[in-house]
């Protein structure tokens, strides 16, 4: 299982003028986040996470939808991501939101070593 981002990752993204950081909130408490980067007509989803007790309740869909709108407003026409090939829940979320598998990156992840699926969505 991939690890969620750490504080240093968010601080780095906050300083990047080509980054978007979104937060999902329920009853005033943060329950998820999504981070996107954009440049020219492309964007990337390096990290998205939803609290385990809030999964399958629409937070992931809402975060992706808002992220699509944000990067599209900066000129992005497509979004890329990598996901562990064993992460069926994430793959299902991405496919439900219009991503298709475009390829594989061999041995992309550590702990444990695993291939990544490269997915793309036209915005």
Protein backbone atom coordinates (compact mmCIF):
# COMPACT_ATOMS: atom_id res chain seq x y z
CA UNK A 1 0.00 0.00 0.00
CA UNK A 2 1.32 3.44 -0.86
CA UNK A 3 1.91 5.91 1.91
CA UNK A 4 -0.02 9.19 2.07
CA UNK A 5 1.94 12.35 1.60
CA UNK A 6 3.94 13.82 4.46
CA UNK A 7 4.07 17.42 5.62
CA UNK A 8 7.21 18.11 3.54
CA UNK A 9 5.41 16.94 0.39
CA UNK A 10 2.55 19.39 1.01
CA UNK A 11 4.93 22.24 1.83
CA UNK A 12 6.75 21.65 -1.44
CA UNK A 13 3.47 21.58 -3.40
CA UNK A 14 2.24 24.75 -1.67
CA UNK A 15 5.30 26.61 -2.97
CA UNK A 16 4.75 25.38 -6.54
CA UNK A 17 2.76 27.83 -8.66
CA UNK A 18 1.73 24.92 -10.90
CA UNK A 19 0.14 22.89 -8.09
CA UNK A 20 -3.41 22.57 -6.81
CA UNK A 21 -4.13 21.17 -3.34
CA UNK A 22 -7.71 20.35 -2.45
CA UNK A 23 -9.18 19.15 0.83
CA UNK A 24 -12.39 17.21 1.51
CA UNK A 25 -14.13 18.12 4.76
CA UNK A 26 -16.96 16.40 6.62
CA UNK A 27 -18.55 17.96 9.71
CA UNK A 28 -15.65 20.41 9.87
CA UNK A 29 -13.00 17.69 9.88
CA UNK A 30 -10.58 16.95 7.02
CA UNK A 31 -11.32 13.55 5.48
CA UNK A 32 -9.27 13.62 2.31
CA UNK A 33 -7.07 15.50 -0.10
CA UNK A 34 -6.04 15.59 -3.73
CA UNK A 35 -2.95 17.17 -5.25
CA UNK A 36 -2.54 18.02 -8.90
CA UNK A 37 0.18 19.59 -11.00
CA UNK A 38 -0.41 21.30 -14.32
CA UNK A 39 1.81 22.56 -17.14
CA UNK A 40 0.82 23.49 -20.68
CA UNK A 41 -2.04 21.16 -21.65
CA UNK A 42 -1.14 18.33 -19.26
CA UNK A 43 -1.73 17.62 -15.59
CA UNK A 44 -0.72 14.95 -13.13
CA UNK A 45 -2.37 13.46 -10.05
CA UNK A 46 0.54 12.55 -7.75
CA UNK A 47 -1.56 11.92 -4.66
CA UNK A 48 -5.14 11.49 -3.49
CA UNK A 49 -6.30 9.98 -0.23
CA UNK A 50 -9.55 9.60 1.68
CA UNK A 51 -9.84 8.56 5.31
CA UNK A 52 -10.76 4.86 5.54
CA UNK A 53 -14.05 5.54 7.37
CA UNK A 54 -15.13 7.97 4.62
CA UNK A 55 -14.34 5.82 1.59
CA UNK A 56 -17.10 4.86 -0.84
CA UNK A 57 -19.16 7.86 0.27
CA UNK A 58 -18.29 10.15 -2.64
CA UNK A 59 -15.34 12.11 -1.26
CA UNK A 60 -12.92 10.67 -3.82
CA UNK A 61 -15.30 11.43 -6.69
CA UNK A 62 -15.82 14.98 -5.39
CA UNK A 63 -12.09 15.57 -5.02
CA UNK A 64 -11.39 14.31 -8.54
CA UNK A 65 -14.20 16.38 -10.05
CA UNK A 66 -12.96 19.55 -8.34
CA UNK A 67 -9.37 18.78 -9.35
CA UNK A 68 -10.41 18.26 -12.99
CA UNK A 69 -12.12 21.68 -12.94
CA UNK A 70 -9.10 23.37 -11.38
CA UNK A 71 -6.47 22.01 -13.77
CA UNK A 72 -8.79 22.52 -16.74
CA UNK A 73 -9.07 26.20 -15.74
CA UNK A 74 -5.27 26.38 -16.13
CA UNK A 75 -5.40 24.92 -19.64
CA UNK A 76 -4.91 21.21 -18.96
CA UNK A 77 -6.60 18.91 -21.48
CA UNK A 78 -5.49 15.60 -19.99
CA UNK A 79 -4.44 14.12 -16.66
CA UNK A 80 -1.97 11.33 -15.93
CA UNK A 81 -1.40 9.24 -12.82
CA UNK A 82 0.43 6.14 -11.64
CA UNK A 83 -1.24 3.58 -9.37
CA UNK A 84 -0.07 0.29 -7.87
CA UNK A 85 -1.39 -2.48 -10.07
CA UNK A 86 -2.76 -4.23 -6.95
CA UNK A 87 -4.73 -1.19 -5.75
CA UNK A 88 -8.12 -2.34 -7.02
CA UNK A 89 -10.09 0.27 -5.05
CA UNK A 90 -8.11 3.18 -6.51
CA UNK A 91 -8.19 1.73 -10.02
CA UNK A 92 -11.97 1.36 -9.73
CA UNK A 93 -12.28 5.01 -8.61
CA UNK A 94 -10.12 6.20 -11.48
CA UNK A 95 -11.95 4.13 -14.10
CA UNK A 96 -15.30 5.33 -12.75
CA UNK A 97 -14.02 8.88 -13.29
CA UNK A 98 -12.93 8.31 -16.89
CA UNK A 99 -9.30 7.20 -16.64
CA UNK A 100 -8.04 4.46 -18.92
CA UNK A 101 -4.85 2.41 -18.60
CA UNK A 102 -2.19 3.61 -21.02
CA UNK A 103 0.78 1.51 -19.95
CA UNK A 104 2.88 0.05 -17.16
CA UNK A 105 5.98 1.26 -15.31
CA UNK A 106 7.93 -1.81 -14.21
CA UNK A 107 9.12 -1.91 -10.58
CA UNK A 108 7.89 1.66 -10.02
CA UNK A 109 6.98 1.22 -6.35
CA UNK A 110 9.02 0.08 -3.34
CA UNK A 111 7.96 -1.62 -0.10
CA UNK A 112 6.95 -3.92 -1.73
CA UNK A 113 8.33 -3.64 -5.24
CA UNK A 114 5.44 -3.46 -7.64
CA UNK A 115 4.58 -2.25 -11.12
CA UNK A 116 2.52 0.87 -11.65
CA UNK A 117 -0.30 1.27 -14.11
CA UNK A 118 -0.10 4.55 -15.99
CA UNK A 119 -3.58 5.94 -16.46
CA UNK A 120 -4.81 8.91 -18.47
CA UNK A 121 -8.01 10.89 -18.69
CA UNK A 122 -8.91 13.43 -21.34
CA UNK A 123 -10.39 16.46 -19.66
